[in-house]
Amino acid sequence: MTGDYDLLVKNGRIVTGLGNPWFRGDVCIKNGRVAGVGRIREHVDAESVIDANGLIVAPGFIDTHSHYGLKIIEDKKCEPLIMQGITTALFGQDGFSTAPSGSSDHKETLKKYLSGLDGETRQGEWSWHSFGEYLSSIQANGSAVNFASLVGHGTIRLCVMGFSLRGPTAPELESMCHLLRTTMKEGAMGMSTGLVYPPSMYAETEELIEMCKVLREAGGVYFSHVRGEGSNLIPAFQEAVRIGRESGVPVQISHHKVIGQSNWSKARESIVIVTEAREKEGLDITTDQYPYSAGSTTLTALLPPWSLEGGIEQMLARLKEPKTRRNVKRDAENGLPGWEGYALFPETVMISYCRRTKEFEGMTLSEIAEMHGKLPTEELFDILVE
């Protein structure tokens, strides 16, 4: 490597991401691009030199499951991403994207629900309606990272059907497919589902297959937070494979995990399902996993699906009405066919953010309930209502 460079990073442990072992070497940068990688055995002039001895030098990481799609609007530096080495992020995960936003009522509902997954923004009014306008807003504001976004199936369903716990009519399904086609033309990379979150959880498999046929035609990828990650993990993986098989779309199963120690043995079986779908059927199906032993979600994920119909306000009204609250408690504690709530494991549910009661942060649901002399499910309901 010869010539003048803008930046020389020397003596680092280089990890290229190509599968080979790390090696010690140097990286030269010229005009914002990598101009050379290897061991420099001669003098090189560079405007800046970084001695990376004892450090790892690697290409920027691609975060394929990011919930920064709303915060990026007001934080163009993206420091929480950059400080982790992330230089490309994919937004619109778990069935929710920040666009399209539909009517004013739907936009307000989307804002409230997204706050639990993607945080809140100081901007009172979103300046976009369509998916293309959302992407343009980020570009106009600037961003320290490269970005792309999926469109959320839940967001599309909200625009057409609201939080209705039913299947779509034929015209409604066509409207959802049309909206999906439009967002793909405007720049979406694919569609995501969050099949443990409303309204995506209200969709039958056949609805998802039909929409994924549109996705295949547009060249997109189907990302799925599958319908169960506990005792129903195996049928949830089988559903994802079926969607890929019958629609022909590539499938990415998000953050593979197994909840509940009694279910851990299902991990190997789920991997077999993916492997056989790839090797025996030739399906394009993959899965990812994050490198830590915890998940992150909203407290409403502990509630039975029927209690969430109609959105946040109706859910809160149900928790305030004594008879309905008892029914919610029954199903949250006992589960329902095809649905298993995390309330079964209150000792593992830790509060990471609570706007009004900051002292709860860092405590488990069991600890908070014991402190107040309540059952964990009653404590859960009170936290949500307050």
Protein backbone atom coordinates (compact mmCIF):
# COMPACT_ATOMS: atom_id res chain seq x y z
CA MET A 1 0.00 0.00 0.00
CA THR A 2 1.60 3.25 -1.08
CA GLY A 3 0.58 6.86 -1.51
CA ASP A 4 -1.03 9.46 0.70
CA TYR A 5 -4.14 8.66 2.73
CA ASP A 6 -6.62 10.61 4.80
CA LEU A 7 -6.54 8.13 7.67
CA LEU A 8 -4.31 5.27 8.75
CA VAL A 9 -5.59 2.82 11.38
CA LYS A 10 -2.60 0.69 12.37
CA ASN A 11 -1.78 -2.31 14.54
CA GLY A 12 -5.42 -3.41 14.90
CA ARG A 13 -6.95 -6.85 15.12
CA ILE A 14 -8.81 -6.87 11.82
CA VAL A 15 -12.08 -8.77 11.49
CA THR A 16 -13.33 -8.57 7.91
CA GLY A 17 -16.64 -10.39 8.33
CA LEU A 18 -15.74 -12.83 5.54
CA GLY A 19 -15.48 -15.81 7.89
CA ASN A 20 -11.71 -15.96 8.15
CA PRO A 21 -9.91 -15.61 11.52
CA TRP A 22 -8.87 -12.15 12.66
CA PHE A 23 -5.41 -10.94 11.75
CA ARG A 24 -3.22 -8.07 12.87
CA GLY A 25 -2.84 -5.31 10.32
CA ASP A 26 -3.55 -1.80 9.12
CA VAL A 27 -6.37 -0.07 7.26
CA CYS A 28 -5.92 2.94 4.99
CA ILE A 29 -8.77 5.34 4.17
CA LYS A 30 -8.85 7.68 1.17
CA ASN A 31 -11.77 9.94 0.19
CA GLY A 32 -14.08 8.22 2.64
CA ARG A 33 -13.39 4.73 1.30
CA VAL A 34 -11.17 1.84 2.35
CA ALA A 35 -8.11 2.03 0.12
CA GLY A 36 -6.05 -0.78 1.58
CA VAL A 37 -6.02 -3.53 4.19
CA GLY A 38 -2.94 -5.46 5.30
CA ARG A 39 0.48 -5.00 6.89
CA ILE A 40 2.24 -1.80 5.88
CA ARG A 41 5.97 -2.43 5.53
CA GLU A 42 6.92 1.03 4.37
CA HIS A 43 6.32 4.61 5.39
CA VAL A 44 2.86 5.92 4.59
CA ASP A 45 1.78 9.54 4.84
CA ALA A 46 -1.66 10.08 6.35
CA GLU A 47 -3.38 13.17 7.67
CA SER A 48 -4.56 11.24 10.74
CA VAL A 49 -3.18 8.13 12.38
CA ILE A 50 -4.95 5.93 14.92
CA ASP A 51 -3.00 3.30 16.82
CA ALA A 52 -5.52 0.47 17.28
CA ASN A 53 -3.19 -1.78 19.24
CA GLY A 54 -5.33 -4.03 21.47
CA LEU A 55 -8.51 -3.02 19.63
CA ILE A 56 -10.63 -4.64 16.94
CA VAL A 57 -11.03 -2.99 13.54
CA ALA A 58 -14.11 -4.17 11.63
CA PRO A 59 -16.55 -2.97 8.98
CA GLY A 60 -19.59 -1.17 10.32
CA PHE A 61 -22.22 -3.50 11.76
CA ILE A 62 -25.62 -3.86 10.09
CA ASP A 63 -28.44 -3.89 12.65
CA THR A 64 -31.12 -5.94 10.93
CA HIS A 65 -33.61 -5.41 13.77
CA SER A 66 -33.64 -1.78 14.86
CA HIS A 67 -36.31 0.19 16.69
CA TYR A 68 -34.69 3.58 16.01
CA GLY A 69 -37.00 4.49 13.16
CA LEU A 70 -38.77 7.21 15.14
CA LYS A 71 -35.90 8.58 17.22
CA ILE A 72 -33.79 9.09 14.11
CA ILE A 73 -36.10 11.97 13.16
CA GLU A 74 -34.80 14.05 16.06
CA ASP A 75 -31.38 12.44 16.58
CA LYS A 76 -29.55 12.53 13.29
CA LYS A 77 -26.26 11.77 15.06
CA CYS A 78 -27.68 8.37 16.05
CA GLU A 79 -25.16 8.09 18.88
CA PRO A 80 -26.71 4.96 20.49
CA LEU A 81 -26.10 3.20 17.17
CA ILE A 82 -22.73 4.69 16.27
CA MET A 83 -21.31 3.93 19.73
CA GLN A 84 -22.02 0.24 19.08
CA GLY A 85 -20.30 0.32 15.71
CA ILE A 86 -23.62 0.20 13.82
CA THR A 87 -23.46 2.04 10.50
CA THR A 88 -26.58 0.60 8.83
CA ALA A 89 -29.96 0.01 10.50
CA LEU A 90 -33.19 -1.61 9.33
CA PHE A 91 -36.33 -0.09 10.86
CA GLY A 92 -40.01 -1.06 10.81
CA GLN A 93 -39.75 -4.24 12.87
CA ASP A 94 -42.27 -6.46 14.69
CA GLY A 95 -45.25 -5.45 12.59
CA PHE A 96 -44.98 -1.70 13.17
CA SER A 97 -43.50 1.07 11.06
CA THR A 98 -43.89 4.81 11.44
CA ALA A 99 -45.58 5.02 8.04
CA PRO A 100 -48.01 4.98 6.36
CA SER A 101 -50.14 6.70 8.97
CA GLY A 102 -53.64 6.72 7.45
CA SER A 103 -56.30 8.95 9.01
CA SER A 104 -55.71 11.34 11.92
CA ASP A 105 -57.30 8.87 14.35
CA HIS A 106 -55.14 6.04 13.07
CA LYS A 107 -52.04 8.22 13.31
CA GLU A 108 -52.72 9.02 16.98
CA THR A 109 -53.32 5.32 17.73
CA LEU A 110 -50.09 4.42 15.95
CA LYS A 111 -48.18 7.05 17.95
CA LYS A 112 -49.41 5.66 21.26
CA TYR A 113 -48.61 2.08 20.38
CA LEU A 114 -45.23 2.83 18.82
CA SER A 115 -44.12 4.64 21.98
CA GLY A 116 -43.72 1.26 23.68
CA LEU A 117 -41.53 -0.17 20.92
CA ASP A 118 -39.78 2.73 19.22
CA GLY A 119 -39.90 5.34 21.97
CA GLU A 120 -41.33 8.82 21.73
CA THR A 121 -40.30 11.88 19.77
CA ARG A 122 -40.37 15.48 20.95
CA GLN A 123 -42.00 16.43 17.68
CA GLY A 124 -45.69 16.82 18.40
CA GLU A 125 -46.97 16.34 14.87
CA TRP A 126 -45.51 13.95 12.35
CA SER A 127 -44.87 15.70 9.07
CA TRP A 128 -45.46 12.61 6.94
CA HIS A 129 -48.38 10.44 5.88
CA SER A 130 -47.02 8.12 3.20
CA PHE A 131 -44.05 5.78 3.49
CA GLY A 132 -42.15 7.77 0.87
CA GLU A 133 -42.68 10.99 2.83
CA TYR A 134 -41.31 9.32 5.97
CA LEU A 135 -38.11 8.25 4.20
CA SER A 136 -37.77 11.72 2.69
CA SER A 137 -38.09 13.28 6.15
CA ILE A 138 -35.10 11.32 7.39
CA GLN A 139 -33.06 12.16 4.30
CA ALA A 140 -33.90 15.86 4.56
CA ASN A 141 -32.88 15.91 8.22
CA GLY A 142 -29.70 13.94 7.67
CA SER A 143 -28.46 10.79 9.37
CA ALA A 144 -25.11 9.53 10.64
CA VAL A 145 -26.05 5.98 9.65
CA ASN A 146 -27.30 4.33 6.51
CA PHE A 147 -30.91 3.26 6.93
CA ALA A 148 -33.70 1.28 5.36
CA SER A 149 -37.13 0.31 6.59
CA LEU A 150 -39.69 -2.42 6.37
CA VAL A 151 -43.38 -1.60 6.38
CA GLY A 152 -45.27 -3.06 9.31
CA HIS A 153 -48.17 -5.39 8.60
CA GLY A 154 -49.79 -4.04 11.78
CA THR A 155 -49.42 -0.49 10.49
CA ILE A 156 -51.08 -1.41 7.20
CA ARG A 157 -53.85 -3.30 8.99
CA LEU A 158 -54.41 -0.34 11.31
CA CYS A 159 -54.84 1.98 8.32
CA VAL A 160 -57.50 -0.29 6.79
CA MET A 161 -59.17 -2.10 9.72
CA GLY A 162 -58.08 -0.40 12.93
CA PHE A 163 -57.62 -2.77 15.90
CA SER A 164 -60.42 -5.12 14.81
CA LEU A 165 -60.19 -8.68 16.11
CA ARG A 166 -61.43 -10.40 12.94
CA GLY A 167 -60.35 -11.35 9.48
CA PRO A 168 -60.57 -8.83 6.65
CA THR A 169 -63.37 -8.70 4.12
CA ALA A 170 -62.34 -9.22 0.50
CA PRO A 171 -62.29 -5.43 -0.16
CA GLU A 172 -60.28 -4.84 3.02
CA LEU A 173 -57.70 -7.45 2.04
CA GLU A 174 -57.39 -5.87 -1.38
CA SER A 175 -56.94 -2.45 0.24
CA MET A 176 -54.14 -3.83 2.42
CA CYS A 177 -52.47 -5.45 -0.58
CA HIS A 178 -52.75 -2.20 -2.54
CA LEU A 179 -51.20 -0.23 0.34
CA LEU A 180 -48.38 -2.79 0.54
CA ARG A 181 -47.70 -2.43 -3.20
CA THR A 182 -47.58 1.33 -2.80
CA THR A 183 -45.16 1.31 0.13
CA MET A 184 -42.86 -1.13 -1.68
CA LYS A 185 -42.76 1.24 -4.67
CA GLU A 186 -41.95 4.10 -2.27
CA GLY A 187 -38.91 2.34 -0.86
CA ALA A 188 -39.86 -0.32 1.72
CA MET A 189 -37.48 -3.29 1.78
CA GLY A 190 -40.13 -5.76 2.89
CA MET A 191 -42.90 -6.32 5.42
CA SER A 192 -42.70 -7.28 9.08
CA THR A 193 -45.22 -8.92 11.37
CA GLY A 194 -45.43 -8.91 15.15
CA LEU A 195 -47.72 -11.88 15.69
CA VAL A 196 -47.76 -11.39 19.45
CA TYR A 197 -48.87 -7.76 19.08
CA PRO A 198 -52.21 -6.37 17.93
CA PRO A 199 -53.35 -5.89 15.26
CA SER A 200 -50.92 -8.31 13.51
CA MET A 201 -51.86 -11.04 16.01
CA TYR A 202 -55.46 -10.85 14.76
CA ALA A 203 -54.41 -12.01 11.27
CA GLU A 204 -54.92 -15.61 10.20
CA THR A 205 -52.16 -17.32 8.27
CA GLU A 206 -54.11 -17.08 5.00
CA GLU A 207 -54.19 -13.27 5.22
CA LEU A 208 -50.41 -13.18 5.61
CA ILE A 209 -49.88 -15.57 2.70
CA GLU A 210 -51.93 -13.36 0.37
CA MET A 211 -50.04 -10.25 1.39
CA CYS A 212 -46.70 -12.05 1.08
CA LYS A 213 -47.59 -12.95 -2.52
CA VAL A 214 -47.67 -9.21 -3.19
CA LEU A 215 -44.39 -8.89 -1.32
CA ARG A 216 -42.78 -11.58 -3.49
CA GLU A 217 -43.88 -9.80 -6.68
CA ALA A 218 -42.28 -6.59 -5.39
CA GLY A 219 -39.01 -8.33 -4.52
CA GLY A 220 -39.37 -7.87 -0.76
CA VAL A 221 -38.55 -10.00 2.29
CA TYR A 222 -40.96 -11.14 5.02
CA PHE A 223 -39.63 -10.52 8.55
CA SER A 224 -41.60 -12.08 11.39
CA HIS A 225 -41.75 -11.90 15.14
CA VAL A 226 -43.46 -15.28 15.16
CA ARG A 227 -46.74 -16.08 16.88
CA GLY A 228 -45.21 -17.79 19.92
CA GLU A 229 -41.85 -18.15 21.62
CA GLY A 230 -42.79 -20.41 24.51
CA SER A 231 -44.77 -23.66 24.52
CA ASN A 232 -46.16 -22.79 21.06
CA LEU A 233 -42.75 -22.09 19.49
CA ILE A 234 -42.86 -25.08 17.12
CA PRO A 235 -46.26 -24.31 15.48
CA ALA A 236 -45.13 -20.67 15.23
CA PHE A 237 -42.02 -21.70 13.27
CA GLN A 238 -44.11 -24.05 11.14
CA GLU A 239 -46.44 -21.16 10.30
CA ALA A 240 -43.50 -19.02 9.17
CA VAL A 241 -42.27 -21.85 6.93
CA ARG A 242 -45.78 -22.32 5.49
CA ILE A 243 -46.02 -18.62 4.65
CA GLY A 244 -42.72 -18.82 2.77
CA ARG A 245 -43.69 -22.05 1.03
CA GLU A 246 -47.12 -20.92 -0.19
CA SER A 247 -46.23 -17.33 -1.08
CA GLY A 248 -42.73 -17.87 -2.43
CA VAL A 249 -41.32 -14.96 -0.42
CA PRO A 250 -37.97 -15.08 1.44
CA VAL A 251 -38.60 -15.37 5.21
CA GLN A 252 -36.54 -13.98 8.07
CA ILE A 253 -37.57 -15.13 11.57
CA SER A 254 -36.65 -12.36 14.00
CA HIS A 255 -34.75 -12.78 17.28
CA HIS A 256 -35.07 -16.53 17.74
CA LYS A 257 -35.55 -17.29 21.43
CA VAL A 258 -37.30 -19.77 23.70
CA ILE A 259 -39.19 -18.37 26.70
CA GLY A 260 -39.53 -20.46 29.83
CA GLN A 261 -36.98 -23.02 31.02
CA SER A 262 -39.44 -25.86 30.49
CA ASN A 263 -39.45 -24.98 26.79
CA TRP A 264 -35.70 -24.74 26.21
CA SER A 265 -35.58 -28.20 24.61
CA LYS A 266 -37.66 -26.80 21.74
CA ALA A 267 -34.70 -24.71 20.55
CA ARG A 268 -33.06 -27.58 18.68
CA GLU A 269 -36.35 -28.69 17.13
CA SER A 270 -37.03 -25.18 15.83
CA ILE A 271 -33.60 -25.06 14.18
CA VAL A 272 -34.31 -28.40 12.53
CA ILE A 273 -37.53 -26.94 11.07
CA VAL A 274 -35.58 -24.09 9.46
CA THR A 275 -32.74 -26.34 8.29
CA GLU A 276 -35.07 -28.88 6.67
CA ALA A 277 -37.10 -26.15 4.98
CA ARG A 278 -33.89 -24.85 3.43
CA GLU A 279 -32.19 -28.12 2.57
CA LYS A 280 -35.12 -30.37 1.66
CA GLU A 281 -37.56 -27.83 0.18
CA GLY A 282 -35.14 -25.18 -1.07
CA LEU A 283 -36.99 -22.41 0.76
CA ASP A 284 -35.21 -19.12 1.43
CA ILE A 285 -35.75 -18.96 5.19
CA THR A 286 -33.32 -17.72 7.83
CA THR A 287 -33.36 -16.62 11.45
CA ASP A 288 -31.36 -14.27 13.63
CA GLN A 289 -30.60 -14.10 17.33
CA TYR A 290 -29.36 -11.31 19.55
CA PRO A 291 -26.32 -11.92 21.78
CA TYR A 292 -27.91 -11.58 25.21
CA SER A 293 -30.31 -13.55 27.40
CA ALA A 294 -33.22 -11.12 27.65
CA GLY A 295 -35.90 -9.67 25.42
CA SER A 296 -37.57 -6.26 25.34
CA THR A 297 -41.23 -5.57 24.76
CA THR A 298 -44.24 -3.70 26.13
CA LEU A 299 -46.23 -4.66 29.24
CA THR A 300 -49.33 -4.99 27.07
CA ALA A 301 -47.73 -8.16 25.63
CA LEU A 302 -48.73 -9.81 28.92
CA LEU A 303 -52.43 -9.23 28.20
CA PRO A 304 -54.70 -11.64 26.29
CA PRO A 305 -55.33 -10.64 22.65
CA TRP A 306 -59.06 -9.93 23.05
CA SER A 307 -58.38 -7.33 25.77
CA LEU A 308 -56.37 -5.24 23.30
CA GLU A 309 -59.05 -5.02 20.60
CA GLY A 310 -59.84 -1.43 19.71
CA GLY A 311 -56.52 0.03 20.87
CA ILE A 312 -54.96 1.42 24.04
CA GLU A 313 -57.95 3.41 25.31
CA GLN A 314 -60.34 0.47 25.12
CA MET A 315 -57.77 -1.78 26.77
CA LEU A 316 -57.47 0.64 29.71
CA ALA A 317 -61.26 0.85 29.99
CA ARG A 318 -61.43 -2.95 30.29
CA LEU A 319 -58.86 -2.95 33.09
CA LYS A 320 -60.90 -0.36 35.00
CA GLU A 321 -64.16 -2.31 34.78
CA PRO A 322 -64.17 -4.93 37.62
CA LYS A 323 -65.88 -7.82 35.83
CA THR A 324 -63.89 -7.45 32.62
CA ARG A 325 -60.72 -7.04 34.65
CA ARG A 326 -61.34 -10.41 36.30
CA ASN A 327 -61.70 -12.00 32.88
CA VAL A 328 -58.46 -10.41 31.71
CA LYS A 329 -56.74 -11.71 34.86
CA ARG A 330 -58.05 -15.23 34.26
CA ASP A 331 -56.75 -15.39 30.71
CA ALA A 332 -53.47 -13.61 31.48
CA GLU A 333 -52.68 -16.18 34.16
CA ASN A 334 -54.00 -19.29 32.43
CA GLY A 335 -53.35 -18.49 28.79
CA LEU A 336 -55.58 -19.19 25.81
CA PRO A 337 -55.43 -21.72 22.96
CA GLY A 338 -52.58 -20.53 20.75
CA TRP A 339 -51.56 -17.74 23.15
CA GLU A 340 -49.28 -17.88 26.15
CA GLY A 341 -48.69 -14.67 28.07
CA TYR A 342 -45.40 -13.70 29.70
CA ALA A 343 -47.37 -13.16 32.92
CA LEU A 344 -46.62 -16.84 33.55
CA PHE A 345 -43.07 -15.73 34.44
CA PRO A 346 -43.47 -12.56 36.57
CA GLU A 347 -40.13 -13.12 38.28
CA THR A 348 -38.36 -12.64 34.93
CA VAL A 349 -40.31 -9.55 33.78
CA MET A 350 -38.19 -6.51 34.63
CA ILE A 351 -39.38 -2.92 34.21
CA SER A 352 -36.82 -0.97 32.16
CA TYR A 353 -38.83 2.22 31.68
CA CYS A 354 -41.83 3.62 33.55
CA ARG A 355 -42.52 7.28 32.92
CA ARG A 356 -44.60 8.02 36.01
CA THR A 357 -43.08 5.65 38.57
CA LYS A 358 -39.34 5.75 38.03
CA GLU A 359 -38.63 3.75 41.20
CA PHE A 360 -40.05 0.65 39.47
CA GLU A 361 -37.25 0.70 36.90
CA GLY A 362 -34.86 -2.18 37.47
CA MET A 363 -37.39 -4.16 39.53
CA THR A 364 -39.22 -7.32 38.44
CA LEU A 365 -42.98 -7.56 38.37
CA SER A 366 -42.81 -10.05 41.24
CA GLU A 367 -40.72 -7.67 43.36
CA ILE A 368 -43.07 -4.73 42.81
CA ALA A 369 -46.11 -6.89 43.58
CA GLU A 370 -44.52 -8.21 46.78
CA MET A 371 -43.65 -4.66 47.85
CA HIS A 372 -47.33 -3.66 47.53
CA GLY A 373 -48.81 -6.93 48.80
CA LYS A 374 -50.52 -7.72 45.49
CA LEU A 375 -50.62 -10.56 43.01
CA PRO A 376 -48.32 -9.93 40.02
CA THR A 377 -51.22 -9.70 37.54
CA GLU A 378 -53.02 -7.12 39.70
CA GLU A 379 -49.80 -5.13 39.93
CA LEU A 380 -49.43 -5.33 36.18
CA PHE A 381 -52.93 -3.96 35.63
CA ASP A 382 -52.38 -1.11 38.11
CA ILE A 383 -49.12 -0.07 36.45
CA LEU A 384 -50.82 0.06 33.05
CA VAL A 385 -53.83 2.00 34.31
CA GLU A 386 -51.74 4.51 36.26
